[in-house]
């Protein structure tokens, strides 16, 4: 009976010696687990920074696209619109318009004669808009790969930290030859904390990636529709010149 009391007291003292708060679990973790936790926390902070940047940027881009389309379809001169925004297009849609109009003016300055030259001009205009579209979308989609990578790998990185921590716990059992909960619990708790941090980083990354990807696809489709519409307008103007 006396031995049981002594063991219970030792168990309680050992458990109390370990801080089971989140900060305590981090501080008491081994070096490898600690490095994994820090990496996952930094990834989580970067994920949220990307999410906020993408959300606000897409909102701004949609507003700018609305303003540009209002000016474009207002019935005013496209030449005047180009002169106003040629130096500093504010958004991808305006940049696409400027790239096409710049090619249009260069070709008109040299003169467009014959069906072959008109066909080549049409191809150059479409190519200029497609290149600009691709470049602008690459800029808007920047860092999306990081979101996808964190969403897919963070749980496994956290799991690696958990496995490593549990291995360290079993080594402590073997070294102390003591299988009491006081020996095993702190190490396992620290190990599982790594998995929790991995999920904290991964879940927002996955949700944000899916949502932002959907918004980017809609915005990209909007730009592609503008390319098609503007290409048709320029094609009609070429037909009118031929007539």
C-alpha atoms as a PDB file:
ATOM      1  CA  UNK A   1       0.000   0.000   0.000  1.00  0.00           C
ATOM      2  CA  UNK A   2       2.792   2.372   0.916  1.00  0.00           C
ATOM      3  CA  UNK A   3       4.557   1.633  -2.379  1.00  0.00           C
ATOM      4  CA  UNK A   4       1.360   2.422  -4.285  1.00  0.00           C
ATOM      5  CA  UNK A   5       1.073   5.771  -2.522  1.00  0.00           C
ATOM      6  CA  UNK A   6       4.699   6.590  -3.325  1.00  0.00           C
ATOM      7  CA  UNK A   7       4.164   5.645  -6.977  1.00  0.00           C
ATOM      8  CA  UNK A   8       1.031   7.792  -7.163  1.00  0.00           C
ATOM      9  CA  UNK A   9       2.855  10.757  -5.663  1.00  0.00           C
ATOM     10  CA  UNK A  10       5.764  10.300  -8.084  1.00  0.00           C
ATOM     11  CA  UNK A  11       3.341  10.045 -10.980  1.00  0.00           C
ATOM     12  CA  UNK A  12       1.584  13.250  -9.946  1.00  0.00           C
ATOM     13  CA  UNK A  13       4.862  15.109  -9.511  1.00  0.00           C
ATOM     14  CA  UNK A  14       6.118  13.925 -12.889  1.00  0.00           C
ATOM     15  CA  UNK A  15       2.912  15.025 -14.641  1.00  0.00           C
ATOM     16  CA  UNK A  16       3.005  18.404 -12.892  1.00  0.00           C
ATOM     17  CA  UNK A  17       6.623  18.817 -14.031  1.00  0.00           C
ATOM     18  CA  UNK A  18       5.394  18.952 -17.613  1.00  0.00           C
ATOM     19  CA  UNK A  19       3.544  22.034 -18.856  1.00  0.00           C
ATOM     20  CA  UNK A  20       0.662  20.698 -20.959  1.00  0.00           C
ATOM     21  CA  UNK A  21      -0.262  24.086 -22.418  1.00  0.00           C
ATOM     22  CA  UNK A  22       0.369  24.703 -26.122  1.00  0.00           C
ATOM     23  CA  UNK A  23       3.435  26.795 -25.359  1.00  0.00           C
ATOM     24  CA  UNK A  24       4.675  24.188 -22.924  1.00  0.00           C
ATOM     25  CA  UNK A  25       4.227  21.402 -25.458  1.00  0.00           C
ATOM     26  CA  UNK A  26       6.233  23.412 -27.972  1.00  0.00           C
ATOM     27  CA  UNK A  27       9.056  24.297 -25.548  1.00  0.00           C
ATOM     28  CA  UNK A  28       9.376  20.733 -24.246  1.00  0.00           C
ATOM     29  CA  UNK A  29       9.341  19.112 -27.690  1.00  0.00           C
ATOM     30  CA  UNK A  30      12.492  17.658 -29.196  1.00  0.00           C
ATOM     31  CA  UNK A  31      14.575  19.594 -31.711  1.00  0.00           C
ATOM     32  CA  UNK A  32      13.204  17.811 -34.788  1.00  0.00           C
ATOM     33  CA  UNK A  33       9.583  18.196 -33.686  1.00  0.00           C
ATOM     34  CA  UNK A  34      10.244  21.820 -32.772  1.00  0.00           C
ATOM     35  CA  UNK A  35      11.666  22.595 -36.226  1.00  0.00           C
ATOM     36  CA  UNK A  36       8.622  20.951 -37.837  1.00  0.00           C
ATOM     37  CA  UNK A  37       6.249  22.981 -35.667  1.00  0.00           C
ATOM     38  CA  UNK A  38       8.017  26.245 -36.506  1.00  0.00           C
ATOM     39  CA  UNK A  39       7.963  25.424 -40.225  1.00  0.00           C
ATOM     40  CA  UNK A  40       4.261  24.624 -40.126  1.00  0.00           C
ATOM     41  CA  UNK A  41       3.437  27.774 -38.169  1.00  0.00           C
ATOM     42  CA  UNK A  42       5.364  29.943 -40.623  1.00  0.00           C
ATOM     43  CA  UNK A  43       3.573  28.202 -43.502  1.00  0.00           C
ATOM     44  CA  UNK A  44       0.239  28.888 -41.840  1.00  0.00           C
ATOM     45  CA  UNK A  45       1.055  32.596 -41.457  1.00  0.00           C
ATOM     46  CA  UNK A  46       2.129  32.787 -45.108  1.00  0.00           C
ATOM     47  CA  UNK A  47      -1.048  30.981 -46.195  1.00  0.00           C
ATOM     48  CA  UNK A  48      -3.235  33.571 -44.479  1.00  0.00           C
ATOM     49  CA  UNK A  49      -1.169  36.408 -45.962  1.00  0.00           C
ATOM     50  CA  UNK A  50      -1.713  34.967 -49.452  1.00  0.00           C
ATOM     51  CA  UNK A  51      -5.428  34.467 -48.803  1.00  0.00           C
ATOM     52  CA  UNK A  52      -5.998  38.072 -47.727  1.00  0.00           C
ATOM     53  CA  UNK A  53      -3.908  39.394 -50.624  1.00  0.00           C
ATOM     54  CA  UNK A  54      -5.825  37.318 -53.186  1.00  0.00           C
ATOM     55  CA  UNK A  55      -9.255  38.171 -51.789  1.00  0.00           C
ATOM     56  CA  UNK A  56      -8.624  41.918 -51.773  1.00  0.00           C
ATOM     57  CA  UNK A  57      -6.848  41.863 -55.122  1.00  0.00           C
ATOM     58  CA  UNK A  58      -9.633  39.950 -56.860  1.00  0.00           C
ATOM     59  CA  UNK A  59     -12.184  42.347 -55.422  1.00  0.00           C
ATOM     60  CA  UNK A  60     -10.164  45.281 -56.752  1.00  0.00           C
ATOM     61  CA  UNK A  61      -9.666  43.630 -60.167  1.00  0.00           C
ATOM     62  CA  UNK A  62     -13.393  43.002 -60.564  1.00  0.00           C
ATOM     63  CA  UNK A  63     -14.163  46.630 -59.721  1.00  0.00           C
ATOM     64  CA  UNK A  64     -11.530  47.863 -62.189  1.00  0.00           C
ATOM     65  CA  UNK A  65     -12.862  45.529 -64.893  1.00  0.00           C
ATOM     66  CA  UNK A  66     -16.354  46.947 -64.349  1.00  0.00           C
ATOM     67  CA  UNK A  67     -15.040  50.483 -64.749  1.00  0.00           C
ATOM     68  CA  UNK A  68     -13.103  49.618 -67.888  1.00  0.00           C
ATOM     69  CA  UNK A  69     -16.017  47.781 -69.503  1.00  0.00           C
ATOM     70  CA  UNK A  70     -18.264  50.733 -68.755  1.00  0.00           C
ATOM     71  CA  UNK A  71     -15.836  53.026 -70.598  1.00  0.00           C
ATOM     72  CA  UNK A  72     -15.273  50.504 -73.394  1.00  0.00           C
ATOM     73  CA  UNK A  73     -18.956  49.938 -74.133  1.00  0.00           C
ATOM     74  CA  UNK A  74     -19.989  53.558 -73.585  1.00  0.00           C
ATOM     75  CA  UNK A  75     -19.935  54.234 -77.312  1.00  0.00           C
ATOM     76  CA  UNK A  76     -16.969  56.578 -77.176  1.00  0.00           C
ATOM     77  CA  UNK A  77     -13.946  56.418 -79.431  1.00  0.00           C
ATOM     78  CA  UNK A  78     -11.633  53.464 -78.766  1.00  0.00           C
ATOM     79  CA  UNK A  79      -8.739  55.608 -79.976  1.00  0.00           C
ATOM     80  CA  UNK A  80      -9.478  58.189 -77.277  1.00  0.00           C
ATOM     81  CA  UNK A  81      -9.761  55.456 -74.651  1.00  0.00           C
ATOM     82  CA  UNK A  82      -6.406  54.073 -75.743  1.00  0.00           C
ATOM     83  CA  UNK A  83      -4.786  57.507 -75.529  1.00  0.00           C
ATOM     84  CA  UNK A  84      -6.032  57.898 -71.961  1.00  0.00           C
ATOM     85  CA  UNK A  85      -4.798  54.572 -70.591  1.00  0.00           C
ATOM     86  CA  UNK A  86      -1.966  53.530 -72.934  1.00  0.00           C
ATOM     87  CA  UNK A  87       0.827  54.617 -70.592  1.00  0.00           C
ATOM     88  CA  UNK A  88      -0.481  52.961 -67.437  1.00  0.00           C
ATOM     89  CA  UNK A  89      -3.240  50.358 -67.832  1.00  0.00           C
ATOM     90  CA  UNK A  90      -4.645  49.732 -64.363  1.00  0.00           C
ATOM     91  CA  UNK A  91      -5.898  46.160 -64.721  1.00  0.00           C
ATOM     92  CA  UNK A  92      -5.447  43.073 -66.934  1.00  0.00           C
ATOM     93  CA  UNK A  93      -8.461  43.871 -69.106  1.00  0.00           C
ATOM     94  CA  UNK A  94      -7.119  47.333 -69.851  1.00  0.00           C
ATOM     95  CA  UNK A  95      -3.669  45.837 -70.533  1.00  0.00           C
ATOM     96  CA  UNK A  96      -5.195  43.439 -73.087  1.00  0.00           C
ATOM     97  CA  UNK A  97      -6.967  46.332 -74.784  1.00  0.00           C
ATOM     98  CA  UNK A  98      -3.780  48.417 -74.889  1.00  0.00           C
ATOM     99  CA  UNK A  99      -1.701  45.578 -76.361  1.00  0.00           C
ATOM    100  CA  UNK A 100      -4.198  45.054 -79.189  1.00  0.00           C
ATOM    101  CA  UNK A 101      -4.618  48.748 -79.933  1.00  0.00           C
ATOM    102  CA  UNK A 102      -0.855  49.264 -79.978  1.00  0.00           C
ATOM    103  CA  UNK A 103      -0.478  46.540 -82.605  1.00  0.00           C
ATOM    104  CA  UNK A 104      -3.476  47.957 -84.480  1.00  0.00           C
ATOM    105  CA  UNK A 105      -1.927  51.419 -84.687  1.00  0.00           C
ATOM    106  CA  UNK A 106       1.472  50.134 -85.765  1.00  0.00           C
ATOM    107  CA  UNK A 107      -0.094  48.132 -88.577  1.00  0.00           C
ATOM    108  CA  UNK A 108      -2.292  51.013 -89.719  1.00  0.00           C
ATOM    109  CA  UNK A 109       0.735  53.290 -89.807  1.00  0.00           C
ATOM    110  CA  UNK A 110       2.422  50.929 -92.268  1.00  0.00           C
ATOM    111  CA  UNK A 111      -0.788  50.360 -94.194  1.00  0.00           C
ATOM    112  CA  UNK A 112      -2.830  47.186 -94.552  1.00  0.00           C
ATOM    113  CA  UNK A 113      -3.366  46.038 -98.117  1.00  0.00           C
ATOM    114  CA  UNK A 114      -4.675  42.753 -99.414  1.00  0.00           C
ATOM    115  CA  UNK A 115      -6.332  39.755 -97.816  1.00  0.00           C
ATOM    116  CA  UNK A 116      -3.044  38.219 -96.704  1.00  0.00           C
ATOM    117  CA  UNK A 117      -1.969  41.287 -94.733  1.00  0.00           C
ATOM    118  CA  UNK A 118      -5.396  41.587 -93.127  1.00  0.00           C
ATOM    119  CA  UNK A 119      -5.311  37.927 -92.080  1.00  0.00           C
ATOM    120  CA  UNK A 120      -1.827  38.340 -90.629  1.00  0.00           C
ATOM    121  CA  UNK A 121      -2.895  41.465 -88.755  1.00  0.00           C
ATOM    122  CA  UNK A 122      -5.857  39.599 -87.292  1.00  0.00           C
ATOM    123  CA  UNK A 123      -3.514  36.846 -86.122  1.00  0.00           C
ATOM    124  CA  UNK A 124      -1.081  39.345 -84.604  1.00  0.00           C
ATOM    125  CA  UNK A 125      -3.879  41.112 -82.752  1.00  0.00           C
ATOM    126  CA  UNK A 126      -5.194  37.862 -81.318  1.00  0.00           C
ATOM    127  CA  UNK A 127      -1.694  36.731 -80.424  1.00  0.00           C
ATOM    128  CA  UNK A 128      -0.916  40.032 -78.683  1.00  0.00           C
ATOM    129  CA  UNK A 129      -4.069  39.768 -76.585  1.00  0.00           C
ATOM    130  CA  UNK A 130      -3.466  36.099 -75.732  1.00  0.00           C
ATOM    131  CA  UNK A 131       0.120  36.772 -74.649  1.00  0.00           C
ATOM    132  CA  UNK A 132      -0.986  39.677 -72.480  1.00  0.00           C
ATOM    133  CA  UNK A 133      -3.814  37.591 -71.032  1.00  0.00           C
ATOM    134  CA  UNK A 134      -1.409  34.798 -70.126  1.00  0.00           C
ATOM    135  CA  UNK A 135       1.088  37.197 -68.564  1.00  0.00           C
ATOM    136  CA  UNK A 136      -1.555  39.006 -66.523  1.00  0.00           C
ATOM    137  CA  UNK A 137      -3.128  35.765 -65.281  1.00  0.00           C
ATOM    138  CA  UNK A 138       0.291  34.443 -64.273  1.00  0.00           C
ATOM    139  CA  UNK A 139       0.706  37.537 -62.132  1.00  0.00           C
ATOM    140  CA  UNK A 140      -2.750  37.205 -60.574  1.00  0.00           C
ATOM    141  CA  UNK A 141      -2.268  33.471 -59.886  1.00  0.00           C
ATOM    142  CA  UNK A 142       1.113  33.965 -58.219  1.00  0.00           C
ATOM    143  CA  UNK A 143       1.592  31.925 -55.000  1.00  0.00           C
ATOM    144  CA  UNK A 144      -1.403  29.677 -55.702  1.00  0.00           C
ATOM    145  CA  UNK A 145       1.024  26.762 -56.027  1.00  0.00           C
ATOM    146  CA  UNK A 146       2.164  27.434 -52.469  1.00  0.00           C
ATOM    147  CA  UNK A 147      -1.417  27.129 -51.199  1.00  0.00           C
ATOM    148  CA  UNK A 148      -1.813  23.822 -53.006  1.00  0.00           C
ATOM    149  CA  UNK A 149       1.512  22.536 -51.680  1.00  0.00           C
ATOM    150  CA  UNK A 150       0.729  23.442 -48.068  1.00  0.00           C
ATOM    151  CA  UNK A 151      -2.750  21.952 -48.330  1.00  0.00           C
ATOM    152  CA  UNK A 152      -1.416  18.635 -49.625  1.00  0.00           C
ATOM    153  CA  UNK A 153       1.817  18.260 -47.635  1.00  0.00           C
ATOM    154  CA  UNK A 154       1.281  19.959 -44.258  1.00  0.00           C
ATOM    155  CA  UNK A 155      -0.688  17.030 -42.713  1.00  0.00           C
ATOM    156  CA  UNK A 156       2.078  14.615 -43.680  1.00  0.00           C
ATOM    157  CA  UNK A 157       4.788  16.912 -42.336  1.00  0.00           C
ATOM    158  CA  UNK A 158       2.866  17.152 -39.072  1.00  0.00           C
ATOM    159  CA  UNK A 159       2.435  13.371 -39.061  1.00  0.00           C
ATOM    160  CA  UNK A 160       6.179  12.960 -39.482  1.00  0.00           C
ATOM    161  CA  UNK A 161       6.679  15.127 -36.394  1.00  0.00           C
ATOM    162  CA  UNK A 162       4.158  12.967 -34.532  1.00  0.00           C
ATOM    163  CA  UNK A 163       5.895   9.733 -35.493  1.00  0.00           C
ATOM    164  CA  UNK A 164       9.256  11.176 -34.515  1.00  0.00           C
ATOM    165  CA  UNK A 165       7.901  12.351 -31.163  1.00  0.00           C
ATOM    166  CA  UNK A 166       6.311   8.988 -30.399  1.00  0.00           C
ATOM    167  CA  UNK A 167       9.591   7.268 -31.229  1.00  0.00           C
ATOM    168  CA  UNK A 168      11.304   9.569 -28.724  1.00  0.00           C
ATOM    169  CA  UNK A 169       8.646   8.674 -26.136  1.00  0.00           C
ATOM    170  CA  UNK A 170       9.280   4.961 -26.574  1.00  0.00           C
ATOM    171  CA  UNK A 171      12.998   5.582 -26.249  1.00  0.00           C
ATOM    172  CA  UNK A 172      12.273   7.327 -22.940  1.00  0.00           C
ATOM    173  CA  UNK A 173      10.313   4.275 -21.812  1.00  0.00           C
ATOM    174  CA  UNK A 174      13.177   1.985 -22.725  1.00  0.00           C
ATOM    175  CA  UNK A 175      15.742   4.196 -21.000  1.00  0.00           C
ATOM    176  CA  UNK A 176      13.758   4.647 -17.778  1.00  0.00           C
ATOM    177  CA  UNK A 177      12.209   1.175 -17.803  1.00  0.00           C
ATOM    178  CA  UNK A 178       9.048   2.837 -16.632  1.00  0.00           C
ATOM    179  CA  UNK A 179       5.782   2.384 -18.533  1.00  0.00           C
ATOM    180  CA  UNK A 180       3.748   4.781 -16.413  1.00  0.00           C
ATOM    181  CA  UNK A 181       1.544   7.392 -18.042  1.00  0.00           C
ATOM    182  CA  UNK A 182       3.765  10.151 -16.665  1.00  0.00           C
ATOM    183  CA  UNK A 183       6.610   8.988 -18.880  1.00  0.00           C
ATOM    184  CA  UNK A 184       4.581   8.395 -22.033  1.00  0.00           C
ATOM    185  CA  UNK A 185       1.899  11.117 -21.990  1.00  0.00           C
ATOM    186  CA  UNK A 186       4.014  14.305 -22.340  1.00  0.00           C
ATOM    187  CA  UNK A 187       5.971  12.993 -25.310  1.00  0.00           C
ATOM    188  CA  UNK A 188       2.849  11.725 -27.070  1.00  0.00           C
ATOM    189  CA  UNK A 189       1.060  15.023 -26.412  1.00  0.00           C
ATOM    190  CA  UNK A 190       3.976  16.963 -27.911  1.00  0.00           C
ATOM    191  CA  UNK A 191       3.983  14.620 -30.907  1.00  0.00           C
ATOM    192  CA  UNK A 192       0.249  14.945 -31.522  1.00  0.00           C
ATOM    193  CA  UNK A 193       0.564  18.714 -31.243  1.00  0.00           C
ATOM    194  CA  UNK A 194       2.690  18.637 -34.405  1.00  0.00           C
ATOM    195  CA  UNK A 195      -0.134  16.915 -36.292  1.00  0.00           C
ATOM    196  CA  UNK A 196      -2.597  19.501 -34.986  1.00  0.00           C
ATOM    197  CA  UNK A 197      -0.421  22.349 -36.262  1.00  0.00           C
ATOM    198  CA  UNK A 198      -0.160  20.585 -39.620  1.00  0.00           C
ATOM    199  CA  UNK A 199      -3.943  20.480 -39.877  1.00  0.00           C
ATOM    200  CA  UNK A 200      -4.202  24.114 -38.816  1.00  0.00           C
ATOM    201  CA  UNK A 201      -1.963  24.998 -41.767  1.00  0.00           C
ATOM    202  CA  UNK A 202      -3.499  22.563 -44.268  1.00  0.00           C
ATOM    203  CA  UNK A 203      -7.249  23.056 -43.799  1.00  0.00           C
ATOM    204  CA  UNK A 204      -7.342  26.826 -44.499  1.00  0.00           C
ATOM    205  CA  UNK A 205      -4.931  26.314 -47.415  1.00  0.00           C
ATOM    206  CA  UNK A 206      -7.190  23.716 -49.048  1.00  0.00           C
ATOM    207  CA  UNK A 207     -10.396  25.705 -48.517  1.00  0.00           C
ATOM    208  CA  UNK A 208      -8.790  28.950 -49.710  1.00  0.00           C
ATOM    209  CA  UNK A 209      -7.207  27.272 -52.732  1.00  0.00           C
ATOM    210  CA  UNK A 210     -10.526  25.848 -53.902  1.00  0.00           C
ATOM    211  CA  UNK A 211     -12.389  29.120 -53.391  1.00  0.00           C
ATOM    212  CA  UNK A 212      -9.744  31.383 -54.904  1.00  0.00           C
ATOM    213  CA  UNK A 213      -9.167  29.006 -57.834  1.00  0.00           C
ATOM    214  CA  UNK A 214     -12.864  29.152 -58.620  1.00  0.00           C
ATOM    215  CA  UNK A 215     -12.822  32.964 -58.496  1.00  0.00           C
ATOM    216  CA  UNK A 216      -9.706  33.095 -60.672  1.00  0.00           C
ATOM    217  CA  UNK A 217     -11.304  30.811 -63.246  1.00  0.00           C
ATOM    218  CA  UNK A 218     -14.347  33.075 -63.450  1.00  0.00           C
ATOM    219  CA  UNK A 219     -12.144  36.130 -63.802  1.00  0.00           C
ATOM    220  CA  UNK A 220     -10.015  34.395 -66.448  1.00  0.00           C
ATOM    221  CA  UNK A 221     -13.156  33.455 -68.374  1.00  0.00           C
ATOM    222  CA  UNK A 222     -14.241  37.079 -68.232  1.00  0.00           C
ATOM    223  CA  UNK A 223     -10.938  38.191 -69.745  1.00  0.00           C
ATOM    224  CA  UNK A 224     -11.164  35.514 -72.444  1.00  0.00           C
ATOM    225  CA  UNK A 225     -14.678  36.676 -73.312  1.00  0.00           C
ATOM    226  CA  UNK A 226     -13.373  40.230 -73.655  1.00  0.00           C
ATOM    227  CA  UNK A 227     -10.584  39.005 -75.945  1.00  0.00           C
ATOM    228  CA  UNK A 228     -13.152  37.288 -78.170  1.00  0.00           C
ATOM    229  CA  UNK A 229     -15.426  40.343 -78.228  1.00  0.00           C
ATOM    230  CA  UNK A 230     -12.642  42.805 -78.956  1.00  0.00           C
ATOM    231  CA  UNK A 231     -11.210  40.511 -81.623  1.00  0.00           C
ATOM    232  CA  UNK A 232     -14.615  40.470 -83.307  1.00  0.00           C
ATOM    233  CA  UNK A 233     -14.798  44.276 -83.202  1.00  0.00           C
ATOM    234  CA  UNK A 234     -11.366  44.632 -84.797  1.00  0.00           C
ATOM    235  CA  UNK A 235     -12.238  41.981 -87.376  1.00  0.00           C
ATOM    236  CA  UNK A 236     -15.346  43.955 -88.402  1.00  0.00           C
ATOM    237  CA  UNK A 237     -13.269  47.097 -88.736  1.00  0.00           C
ATOM    238  CA  UNK A 238     -10.853  45.247 -91.011  1.00  0.00           C
ATOM    239  CA  UNK A 239     -13.795  44.082 -93.121  1.00  0.00           C
ATOM    240  CA  UNK A 240     -15.067  47.665 -93.375  1.00  0.00           C
ATOM    241  CA  UNK A 241     -11.648  48.830 -94.570  1.00  0.00           C
ATOM    242  CA  UNK A 242     -11.646  46.124 -97.206  1.00  0.00           C
ATOM    243  CA  UNK A 243     -15.037  47.262 -98.446  1.00  0.00           C
END
